């Protein structure tokens, strides 16, 4: 295995220690021990270039038993329409949107259930190989983890006088005089902006004080949208996604056409070509 992935795995486990996620204990009797596995991925920037190698230790949550290892699992997620409205609002009031990410977000959330997981592959304690970890906080892919994280962040923001949206409960706002700060949550990604820069700075500070954050600066890539914030407007496209689809279906050499379609374009059936593979398109 490439050394960069080993470093990424160690960084992930360092987050477990920093957040006091678990403790190594003798394996209890009559308790389901949930397996763990490593998931590796390349984090890409808005141009599709690898910016970071990430290793994440996840629980094999399919082993959990409802009512024993977890209770409620539902967690709210921002809708794409909400993001578009936020972009339009920022454009109308002429303020910048910023983006930040909570590192290992799910590791911040206490869980009520008694949950035990196996030691991570490749990182077994040689002195206690038969021990297991008792979780104090949520682990990725535990069924209750998303809800636990949302409740943790919601309670934190409300405690700091941010008001939750009535329609979209992942949207939070705070007013000071005539100024407003808007915060949109999508799991561990947070988009925010304000008519007053001091309110942005205030929000960033309380987040950094409470959680380990990575500040990503101005919003330029979110939920598959490439975003450009200019003095005369906010523009977004999905050119990265389009390129991926062209590559997937072998159409990289196709000629581009204007959108909306050119007024003089005429389409006719190509009698010589084979039919398009419909199942692969629908997939």
C-alpha atoms as a PDB file:
ATOM      1  CA  UNK A   1       0.000   0.000   0.000  1.00  0.00           C
ATOM      2  CA  UNK A   2       1.204   3.495  -0.842  1.00  0.00           C
ATOM      3  CA  UNK A   3       2.608   5.313   2.189  1.00  0.00           C
ATOM      4  CA  UNK A   4       0.241   8.259   1.669  1.00  0.00           C
ATOM      5  CA  UNK A   5      -2.723   5.991   2.452  1.00  0.00           C
ATOM      6  CA  UNK A   6      -1.051   4.716   5.631  1.00  0.00           C
ATOM      7  CA  UNK A   7      -0.545   8.328   6.707  1.00  0.00           C
ATOM      8  CA  UNK A   8      -4.214   9.032   5.939  1.00  0.00           C
ATOM      9  CA  UNK A   9      -5.320   6.062   8.081  1.00  0.00           C
ATOM     10  CA  UNK A  10      -3.159   7.196  10.983  1.00  0.00           C
ATOM     11  CA  UNK A  11      -4.569  10.718  10.708  1.00  0.00           C
ATOM     12  CA  UNK A  12      -8.075   9.254  10.913  1.00  0.00           C
ATOM     13  CA  UNK A  13      -7.231   7.307  14.071  1.00  0.00           C
ATOM     14  CA  UNK A  14      -5.600  10.415  15.551  1.00  0.00           C
ATOM     15  CA  UNK A  15      -9.009  12.081  15.204  1.00  0.00           C
ATOM     16  CA  UNK A  16     -10.535   9.223  17.216  1.00  0.00           C
ATOM     17  CA  UNK A  17      -8.060   9.881  20.027  1.00  0.00           C
ATOM     18  CA  UNK A  18      -8.538  13.654  19.901  1.00  0.00           C
ATOM     19  CA  UNK A  19     -12.335  13.286  20.084  1.00  0.00           C
ATOM     20  CA  UNK A  20     -12.295  10.536  22.737  1.00  0.00           C
ATOM     21  CA  UNK A  21     -14.444   8.339  20.494  1.00  0.00           C
ATOM     22  CA  UNK A  22     -13.892   4.942  22.104  1.00  0.00           C
ATOM     23  CA  UNK A  23     -12.137   2.847  24.721  1.00  0.00           C
ATOM     24  CA  UNK A  24     -10.538  -0.589  24.376  1.00  0.00           C
ATOM     25  CA  UNK A  25     -12.312  -3.141  26.608  1.00  0.00           C
ATOM     26  CA  UNK A  26     -12.548  -6.936  26.983  1.00  0.00           C
ATOM     27  CA  UNK A  27     -15.116  -8.403  24.617  1.00  0.00           C
ATOM     28  CA  UNK A  28     -18.478  -8.594  26.439  1.00  0.00           C
ATOM     29  CA  UNK A  29     -20.669 -11.669  26.311  1.00  0.00           C
ATOM     30  CA  UNK A  30     -23.993 -11.701  24.474  1.00  0.00           C
ATOM     31  CA  UNK A  31     -23.283  -8.443  22.628  1.00  0.00           C
ATOM     32  CA  UNK A  32     -23.075  -7.988  18.862  1.00  0.00           C
ATOM     33  CA  UNK A  33     -19.601  -6.867  17.835  1.00  0.00           C
ATOM     34  CA  UNK A  34     -19.911  -4.634  14.787  1.00  0.00           C
ATOM     35  CA  UNK A  35     -17.148  -4.981  12.233  1.00  0.00           C
ATOM     36  CA  UNK A  36     -15.067  -2.075  10.940  1.00  0.00           C
ATOM     37  CA  UNK A  37     -13.465  -1.461   7.575  1.00  0.00           C
ATOM     38  CA  UNK A  38     -11.413   1.193   5.800  1.00  0.00           C
ATOM     39  CA  UNK A  39     -12.861   3.236   2.979  1.00  0.00           C
ATOM     40  CA  UNK A  40     -10.453   5.115   0.732  1.00  0.00           C
ATOM     41  CA  UNK A  41     -11.209   7.970  -1.607  1.00  0.00           C
ATOM     42  CA  UNK A  42      -9.522  10.797  -3.444  1.00  0.00           C
ATOM     43  CA  UNK A  43     -10.940  14.215  -2.631  1.00  0.00           C
ATOM     44  CA  UNK A  44     -11.231  16.255  -5.831  1.00  0.00           C
ATOM     45  CA  UNK A  45     -11.288  20.001  -6.323  1.00  0.00           C
ATOM     46  CA  UNK A  46     -13.655  21.888  -8.637  1.00  0.00           C
ATOM     47  CA  UNK A  47     -11.466  20.941 -11.630  1.00  0.00           C
ATOM     48  CA  UNK A  48     -11.505  17.233 -10.884  1.00  0.00           C
ATOM     49  CA  UNK A  49      -7.880  17.200  -9.676  1.00  0.00           C
ATOM     50  CA  UNK A  50      -6.951  15.138  -6.593  1.00  0.00           C
ATOM     51  CA  UNK A  51      -6.445  17.539  -3.689  1.00  0.00           C
ATOM     52  CA  UNK A  52      -6.248  15.042  -0.823  1.00  0.00           C
ATOM     53  CA  UNK A  53      -6.175  11.318  -0.059  1.00  0.00           C
ATOM     54  CA  UNK A  54      -8.711  10.447   2.626  1.00  0.00           C
ATOM     55  CA  UNK A  55      -9.054   7.250   4.637  1.00  0.00           C
ATOM     56  CA  UNK A  56     -12.170   6.776   6.725  1.00  0.00           C
ATOM     57  CA  UNK A  57     -12.833   4.050   9.258  1.00  0.00           C
ATOM     58  CA  UNK A  58     -16.481   3.034   9.064  1.00  0.00           C
ATOM     59  CA  UNK A  59     -18.695   0.653  10.975  1.00  0.00           C
ATOM     60  CA  UNK A  60     -20.383  -2.219   9.197  1.00  0.00           C
ATOM     61  CA  UNK A  61     -23.745  -0.881  10.272  1.00  0.00           C
ATOM     62  CA  UNK A  62     -25.730  -3.656   8.605  1.00  0.00           C
ATOM     63  CA  UNK A  63     -24.859  -5.781  11.662  1.00  0.00           C
ATOM     64  CA  UNK A  64     -26.788  -3.446  13.961  1.00  0.00           C
ATOM     65  CA  UNK A  65     -30.078  -4.545  15.490  1.00  0.00           C
ATOM     66  CA  UNK A  66     -32.868  -1.966  15.726  1.00  0.00           C
ATOM     67  CA  UNK A  67     -33.844  -1.202  19.316  1.00  0.00           C
ATOM     68  CA  UNK A  68     -30.561  -2.639  20.626  1.00  0.00           C
ATOM     69  CA  UNK A  69     -27.698  -0.980  18.736  1.00  0.00           C
ATOM     70  CA  UNK A  70     -29.725   2.001  17.500  1.00  0.00           C
ATOM     71  CA  UNK A  71     -33.102   3.706  17.788  1.00  0.00           C
ATOM     72  CA  UNK A  72     -33.937   6.582  15.406  1.00  0.00           C
ATOM     73  CA  UNK A  73     -31.824   7.143  12.299  1.00  0.00           C
ATOM     74  CA  UNK A  74     -33.515   9.942  10.333  1.00  0.00           C
ATOM     75  CA  UNK A  75     -31.411  13.055   9.689  1.00  0.00           C
ATOM     76  CA  UNK A  76     -32.261  16.155   7.690  1.00  0.00           C
ATOM     77  CA  UNK A  77     -30.296  17.038   4.557  1.00  0.00           C
ATOM     78  CA  UNK A  78     -30.387  20.345   2.693  1.00  0.00           C
ATOM     79  CA  UNK A  79     -32.198  20.267  -0.634  1.00  0.00           C
ATOM     80  CA  UNK A  80     -30.522  21.508  -3.790  1.00  0.00           C
ATOM     81  CA  UNK A  81     -33.349  24.033  -4.191  1.00  0.00           C
ATOM     82  CA  UNK A  82     -32.345  25.590  -0.867  1.00  0.00           C
ATOM     83  CA  UNK A  83     -28.775  26.008  -2.081  1.00  0.00           C
ATOM     84  CA  UNK A  84     -29.980  27.692  -5.265  1.00  0.00           C
ATOM     85  CA  UNK A  85     -32.204  30.082  -3.304  1.00  0.00           C
ATOM     86  CA  UNK A  86     -29.268  30.924  -1.035  1.00  0.00           C
ATOM     87  CA  UNK A  87     -27.108  31.677  -4.087  1.00  0.00           C
ATOM     88  CA  UNK A  88     -29.829  33.924  -5.509  1.00  0.00           C
ATOM     89  CA  UNK A  89     -30.236  35.724  -2.185  1.00  0.00           C
ATOM     90  CA  UNK A  90     -26.489  36.316  -1.854  1.00  0.00           C
ATOM     91  CA  UNK A  91     -26.422  37.648  -5.406  1.00  0.00           C
ATOM     92  CA  UNK A  92     -29.362  40.003  -4.749  1.00  0.00           C
ATOM     93  CA  UNK A  93     -27.796  41.414  -1.581  1.00  0.00           C
ATOM     94  CA  UNK A  94     -24.279  41.346  -3.029  1.00  0.00           C
ATOM     95  CA  UNK A  95     -22.443  39.359  -0.357  1.00  0.00           C
ATOM     96  CA  UNK A  96     -19.907  36.537  -0.600  1.00  0.00           C
ATOM     97  CA  UNK A  97     -20.625  32.957   0.368  1.00  0.00           C
ATOM     98  CA  UNK A  98     -18.006  30.889   2.158  1.00  0.00           C
ATOM     99  CA  UNK A  99     -17.615  27.188   2.808  1.00  0.00           C
ATOM    100  CA  UNK A 100     -16.122  25.214   5.676  1.00  0.00           C
ATOM    101  CA  UNK A 101     -16.000  21.552   6.624  1.00  0.00           C
ATOM    102  CA  UNK A 102     -16.142  19.907  10.033  1.00  0.00           C
ATOM    103  CA  UNK A 103     -13.369  17.323  10.252  1.00  0.00           C
ATOM    104  CA  UNK A 104     -14.625  13.866  11.239  1.00  0.00           C
ATOM    105  CA  UNK A 105     -18.015  15.379  12.046  1.00  0.00           C
ATOM    106  CA  UNK A 106     -19.695  12.177  13.235  1.00  0.00           C
ATOM    107  CA  UNK A 107     -16.960  11.657  15.833  1.00  0.00           C
ATOM    108  CA  UNK A 108     -18.305  14.671  17.754  1.00  0.00           C
ATOM    109  CA  UNK A 109     -21.630  13.097  18.660  1.00  0.00           C
ATOM    110  CA  UNK A 110     -22.415  11.092  21.784  1.00  0.00           C
ATOM    111  CA  UNK A 111     -24.619   8.037  21.361  1.00  0.00           C
ATOM    112  CA  UNK A 112     -27.095   6.665  23.882  1.00  0.00           C
ATOM    113  CA  UNK A 113     -26.888   2.998  22.897  1.00  0.00           C
ATOM    114  CA  UNK A 114     -24.242   0.507  24.034  1.00  0.00           C
ATOM    115  CA  UNK A 115     -22.223  -0.270  20.896  1.00  0.00           C
ATOM    116  CA  UNK A 116     -19.047  -2.331  20.465  1.00  0.00           C
ATOM    117  CA  UNK A 117     -16.898  -2.475  17.330  1.00  0.00           C
ATOM    118  CA  UNK A 118     -13.957  -4.583  16.224  1.00  0.00           C
ATOM    119  CA  UNK A 119     -10.448  -3.175  16.159  1.00  0.00           C
ATOM    120  CA  UNK A 120      -9.528  -1.532  12.831  1.00  0.00           C
ATOM    121  CA  UNK A 121      -7.941  -3.790  10.192  1.00  0.00           C
ATOM    122  CA  UNK A 122      -4.180  -3.259  10.191  1.00  0.00           C
ATOM    123  CA  UNK A 123      -4.217  -1.529  13.581  1.00  0.00           C
ATOM    124  CA  UNK A 124      -4.787  -4.390  16.031  1.00  0.00           C
ATOM    125  CA  UNK A 125      -3.410  -3.913  19.547  1.00  0.00           C
ATOM    126  CA  UNK A 126      -0.825  -6.725  19.770  1.00  0.00           C
ATOM    127  CA  UNK A 127      -1.064  -6.835  23.569  1.00  0.00           C
ATOM    128  CA  UNK A 128      -4.873  -7.074  23.544  1.00  0.00           C
ATOM    129  CA  UNK A 129      -5.826  -8.634  20.190  1.00  0.00           C
ATOM    130  CA  UNK A 130      -9.108 -10.063  21.550  1.00  0.00           C
ATOM    131  CA  UNK A 131     -10.339  -6.752  22.955  1.00  0.00           C
ATOM    132  CA  UNK A 132     -12.945  -4.600  21.236  1.00  0.00           C
ATOM    133  CA  UNK A 133     -13.760  -0.909  21.284  1.00  0.00           C
ATOM    134  CA  UNK A 134     -16.731   0.411  23.235  1.00  0.00           C
ATOM    135  CA  UNK A 135     -18.019   3.522  21.484  1.00  0.00           C
ATOM    136  CA  UNK A 136     -18.593   6.754  23.365  1.00  0.00           C
ATOM    137  CA  UNK A 137     -19.420   8.673  20.207  1.00  0.00           C
ATOM    138  CA  UNK A 138     -20.831   7.907  16.785  1.00  0.00           C
ATOM    139  CA  UNK A 139     -18.839   6.243  14.035  1.00  0.00           C
ATOM    140  CA  UNK A 140     -19.357   6.643  10.292  1.00  0.00           C
ATOM    141  CA  UNK A 141     -21.929   4.215   8.872  1.00  0.00           C
ATOM    142  CA  UNK A 142     -23.543   3.576  12.226  1.00  0.00           C
ATOM    143  CA  UNK A 143     -27.229   3.927  11.503  1.00  0.00           C
ATOM    144  CA  UNK A 144     -27.726   6.608  14.161  1.00  0.00           C
ATOM    145  CA  UNK A 145     -24.621   8.653  13.254  1.00  0.00           C
ATOM    146  CA  UNK A 146     -26.165  11.232  10.841  1.00  0.00           C
ATOM    147  CA  UNK A 147     -29.013  12.063  13.215  1.00  0.00           C
ATOM    148  CA  UNK A 148     -26.650  12.318  16.192  1.00  0.00           C
ATOM    149  CA  UNK A 149     -24.432  14.783  14.312  1.00  0.00           C
ATOM    150  CA  UNK A 150     -27.330  16.932  13.132  1.00  0.00           C
ATOM    151  CA  UNK A 151     -28.772  17.133  16.651  1.00  0.00           C
ATOM    152  CA  UNK A 152     -25.364  18.058  18.066  1.00  0.00           C
ATOM    153  CA  UNK A 153     -24.820  20.881  15.576  1.00  0.00           C
ATOM    154  CA  UNK A 154     -28.413  22.122  15.815  1.00  0.00           C
ATOM    155  CA  UNK A 155     -28.233  22.379  19.607  1.00  0.00           C
ATOM    156  CA  UNK A 156     -24.899  24.207  19.367  1.00  0.00           C
ATOM    157  CA  UNK A 157     -26.210  26.809  16.909  1.00  0.00           C
ATOM    158  CA  UNK A 158     -29.441  27.404  18.822  1.00  0.00           C
ATOM    159  CA  UNK A 159     -27.407  27.888  22.006  1.00  0.00           C
ATOM    160  CA  UNK A 160     -25.546  30.662  20.195  1.00  0.00           C
ATOM    161  CA  UNK A 161     -28.826  32.388  19.233  1.00  0.00           C
ATOM    162  CA  UNK A 162     -29.015  31.191  15.623  1.00  0.00           C
ATOM    163  CA  UNK A 163     -32.589  30.614  14.499  1.00  0.00           C
ATOM    164  CA  UNK A 164     -33.549  27.434  12.648  1.00  0.00           C
ATOM    165  CA  UNK A 165     -35.605  27.778   9.471  1.00  0.00           C
ATOM    166  CA  UNK A 166     -39.275  26.816   9.695  1.00  0.00           C
ATOM    167  CA  UNK A 167     -39.399  25.196   6.247  1.00  0.00           C
ATOM    168  CA  UNK A 168     -35.801  24.010   5.861  1.00  0.00           C
ATOM    169  CA  UNK A 169     -34.448  22.855   9.227  1.00  0.00           C
ATOM    170  CA  UNK A 170     -30.890  22.768   7.867  1.00  0.00           C
ATOM    171  CA  UNK A 171     -30.978  26.552   7.371  1.00  0.00           C
ATOM    172  CA  UNK A 172     -30.031  28.853  10.263  1.00  0.00           C
ATOM    173  CA  UNK A 173     -30.037  32.646  10.470  1.00  0.00           C
ATOM    174  CA  UNK A 174     -29.094  35.379  12.903  1.00  0.00           C
ATOM    175  CA  UNK A 175     -29.925  39.082  12.763  1.00  0.00           C
ATOM    176  CA  UNK A 176     -28.070  42.059  14.171  1.00  0.00           C
ATOM    177  CA  UNK A 177     -29.682  45.397  13.465  1.00  0.00           C
ATOM    178  CA  UNK A 178     -30.203  45.430   9.689  1.00  0.00           C
ATOM    179  CA  UNK A 179     -27.573  42.742   9.009  1.00  0.00           C
ATOM    180  CA  UNK A 180     -28.140  39.027   8.537  1.00  0.00           C
ATOM    181  CA  UNK A 181     -25.962  35.913   8.480  1.00  0.00           C
ATOM    182  CA  UNK A 182     -27.256  32.782   6.727  1.00  0.00           C
ATOM    183  CA  UNK A 183     -25.933  29.272   7.374  1.00  0.00           C
ATOM    184  CA  UNK A 184     -26.795  26.224   5.265  1.00  0.00           C
ATOM    185  CA  UNK A 185     -25.793  22.785   6.526  1.00  0.00           C
ATOM    186  CA  UNK A 186     -25.206  19.720   4.381  1.00  0.00           C
ATOM    187  CA  UNK A 187     -23.987  16.988   6.758  1.00  0.00           C
ATOM    188  CA  UNK A 188     -20.420  18.152   7.549  1.00  0.00           C
ATOM    189  CA  UNK A 189     -20.219  20.831   4.837  1.00  0.00           C
ATOM    190  CA  UNK A 190     -21.366  24.305   5.856  1.00  0.00           C
ATOM    191  CA  UNK A 191     -22.070  27.218   3.519  1.00  0.00           C
ATOM    192  CA  UNK A 192     -22.483  30.649   5.065  1.00  0.00           C
ATOM    193  CA  UNK A 193     -22.511  34.323   4.190  1.00  0.00           C
ATOM    194  CA  UNK A 194     -23.591  37.671   5.560  1.00  0.00           C
ATOM    195  CA  UNK A 195     -24.269  41.267   4.673  1.00  0.00           C
ATOM    196  CA  UNK A 196     -21.714  42.048   7.412  1.00  0.00           C
ATOM    197  CA  UNK A 197     -18.227  40.504   7.349  1.00  0.00           C
ATOM    198  CA  UNK A 198     -17.986  40.716  11.156  1.00  0.00           C
ATOM    199  CA  UNK A 199     -20.922  38.309  11.430  1.00  0.00           C
ATOM    200  CA  UNK A 200     -19.133  35.838   9.151  1.00  0.00           C
ATOM    201  CA  UNK A 201     -16.013  36.126  11.300  1.00  0.00           C
ATOM    202  CA  UNK A 202     -18.063  35.621  14.464  1.00  0.00           C
ATOM    203  CA  UNK A 203     -19.659  32.452  13.106  1.00  0.00           C
ATOM    204  CA  UNK A 204     -16.324  31.058  11.884  1.00  0.00           C
ATOM    205  CA  UNK A 205     -14.781  31.693  15.310  1.00  0.00           C
ATOM    206  CA  UNK A 206     -17.415  29.850  17.335  1.00  0.00           C
ATOM    207  CA  UNK A 207     -17.196  26.892  14.946  1.00  0.00           C
ATOM    208  CA  UNK A 208     -13.395  26.770  15.209  1.00  0.00           C
ATOM    209  CA  UNK A 209     -13.616  27.028  18.995  1.00  0.00           C
ATOM    210  CA  UNK A 210     -16.062  24.111  19.236  1.00  0.00           C
ATOM    211  CA  UNK A 211     -15.019  21.757  16.414  1.00  0.00           C
ATOM    212  CA  UNK A 212     -11.940  20.929  14.391  1.00  0.00           C
ATOM    213  CA  UNK A 213     -12.549  22.705  11.114  1.00  0.00           C
ATOM    214  CA  UNK A 214     -10.997  23.027   7.688  1.00  0.00           C
ATOM    215  CA  UNK A 215     -11.723  26.445   6.198  1.00  0.00           C
ATOM    216  CA  UNK A 216     -12.191  26.130   2.470  1.00  0.00           C
ATOM    217  CA  UNK A 217     -12.560  29.821   1.710  1.00  0.00           C
ATOM    218  CA  UNK A 218     -14.994  31.218  -0.825  1.00  0.00           C
ATOM    219  CA  UNK A 219     -17.656  28.833  -2.081  1.00  0.00           C
ATOM    220  CA  UNK A 220     -16.583  27.465  -5.462  1.00  0.00           C
ATOM    221  CA  UNK A 221     -17.712  23.817  -5.532  1.00  0.00           C
ATOM    222  CA  UNK A 222     -20.704  22.303  -3.758  1.00  0.00           C
ATOM    223  CA  UNK A 223     -22.973  19.297  -4.414  1.00  0.00           C
ATOM    224  CA  UNK A 224     -21.542  18.841  -7.895  1.00  0.00           C
ATOM    225  CA  UNK A 225     -21.971  22.515  -8.810  1.00  0.00           C
ATOM    226  CA  UNK A 226     -18.996  24.606  -9.890  1.00  0.00           C
ATOM    227  CA  UNK A 227     -19.646  28.111  -8.597  1.00  0.00           C
ATOM    228  CA  UNK A 228     -18.084  31.438  -9.570  1.00  0.00           C
ATOM    229  CA  UNK A 229     -18.820  34.507  -7.467  1.00  0.00           C
ATOM    230  CA  UNK A 230     -18.215  37.659  -9.492  1.00  0.00           C
ATOM    231  CA  UNK A 231     -18.847  41.348  -8.884  1.00  0.00           C
ATOM    232  CA  UNK A 232     -21.689  41.293 -11.395  1.00  0.00           C
ATOM    233  CA  UNK A 233     -23.323  38.001 -10.428  1.00  0.00           C
ATOM    234  CA  UNK A 234     -22.997  34.391  -9.289  1.00  0.00           C
ATOM    235  CA  UNK A 235     -22.632  31.729 -11.961  1.00  0.00           C
ATOM    236  CA  UNK A 236     -22.719  27.973 -11.612  1.00  0.00           C
ATOM    237  CA  UNK A 237     -22.404  25.037 -13.976  1.00  0.00           C
ATOM    238  CA  UNK A 238     -21.805  21.298 -14.016  1.00  0.00           C
ATOM    239  CA  UNK A 239     -19.017  21.073 -16.581  1.00  0.00           C
ATOM    240  CA  UNK A 240     -17.077  18.595 -14.421  1.00  0.00           C
ATOM    241  CA  UNK A 241     -20.110  16.295 -14.256  1.00  0.00           C
ATOM    242  CA  UNK A 242     -20.714  16.649 -18.014  1.00  0.00           C
ATOM    243  CA  UNK A 243     -17.097  15.670 -18.758  1.00  0.00           C
ATOM    244  CA  UNK A 244     -17.462  12.616 -16.520  1.00  0.00           C
ATOM    245  CA  UNK A 245     -20.627  11.558 -18.360  1.00  0.00           C
ATOM    246  CA  UNK A 246     -18.980  12.055 -21.765  1.00  0.00           C
ATOM    247  CA  UNK A 247     -16.069   9.881 -20.662  1.00  0.00           C
ATOM    248  CA  UNK A 248     -18.405   7.242 -19.219  1.00  0.00           C
ATOM    249  CA  UNK A 249     -20.305   6.843 -22.501  1.00  0.00           C
ATOM    250  CA  UNK A 250     -17.306   7.234 -24.818  1.00  0.00           C
ATOM    251  CA  UNK A 251     -18.399  10.595 -26.231  1.00  0.00           C
ATOM    252  CA  UNK A 252     -15.293  12.636 -25.409  1.00  0.00           C
ATOM    253  CA  UNK A 253     -14.640  13.414 -29.084  1.00  0.00           C
ATOM    254  CA  UNK A 254     -18.195  14.593 -29.769  1.00  0.00           C
ATOM    255  CA  UNK A 255     -18.704  18.080 -31.143  1.00  0.00           C
ATOM    256  CA  UNK A 256     -20.189  20.556 -28.652  1.00  0.00           C
ATOM    257  CA  UNK A 257     -23.443  22.333 -29.445  1.00  0.00           C
ATOM    258  CA  UNK A 258     -24.836  25.548 -28.079  1.00  0.00           C
ATOM    259  CA  UNK A 259     -27.334  25.511 -25.233  1.00  0.00           C
ATOM    260  CA  UNK A 260     -30.067  26.575 -25.704  1.00  0.00           C
ATOM    261  CA  UNK A 261     -29.965  24.754 -29.023  1.00  0.00           C
ATOM    262  CA  UNK A 262     -29.078  26.711 -32.162  1.00  0.00           C
ATOM    263  CA  UNK A 263     -32.236  27.763 -34.024  1.00  0.00           C
ATOM    264  CA  UNK A 264     -31.073  26.207 -37.303  1.00  0.00           C
ATOM    265  CA  UNK A 265     -30.201  22.761 -35.899  1.00  0.00           C
ATOM    266  CA  UNK A 266     -31.931  19.878 -37.677  1.00  0.00           C
ATOM    267  CA  UNK A 267     -31.981  16.397 -36.223  1.00  0.00           C
ATOM    268  CA  UNK A 268     -32.489  13.256 -38.274  1.00  0.00           C
ATOM    269  CA  UNK A 269     -32.323   9.567 -37.548  1.00  0.00           C
ATOM    270  CA  UNK A 270     -28.978   7.907 -38.267  1.00  0.00           C
ATOM    271  CA  UNK A 271     -29.910   4.693 -40.069  1.00  0.00           C
ATOM    272  CA  UNK A 272     -26.370   3.270 -39.986  1.00  0.00           C
ATOM    273  CA  UNK A 273     -25.648   3.497 -36.248  1.00  0.00           C
ATOM    274  CA  UNK A 274     -26.649   0.920 -33.670  1.00  0.00           C
ATOM    275  CA  UNK A 275     -29.317   1.724 -31.100  1.00  0.00           C
ATOM    276  CA  UNK A 276     -28.181   3.408 -27.907  1.00  0.00           C
ATOM    277  CA  UNK A 277     -27.675   1.069 -24.967  1.00  0.00           C
ATOM    278  CA  UNK A 278     -30.727   2.223 -22.986  1.00  0.00           C
ATOM    279  CA  UNK A 279     -30.004   0.235 -19.760  1.00  0.00           C
ATOM    280  CA  UNK A 280     -26.573   1.890 -19.423  1.00  0.00           C
ATOM    281  CA  UNK A 281     -28.112   5.358 -19.833  1.00  0.00           C
ATOM    282  CA  UNK A 282     -30.836   4.673 -17.300  1.00  0.00           C
ATOM    283  CA  UNK A 283     -28.218   3.391 -14.857  1.00  0.00           C
END
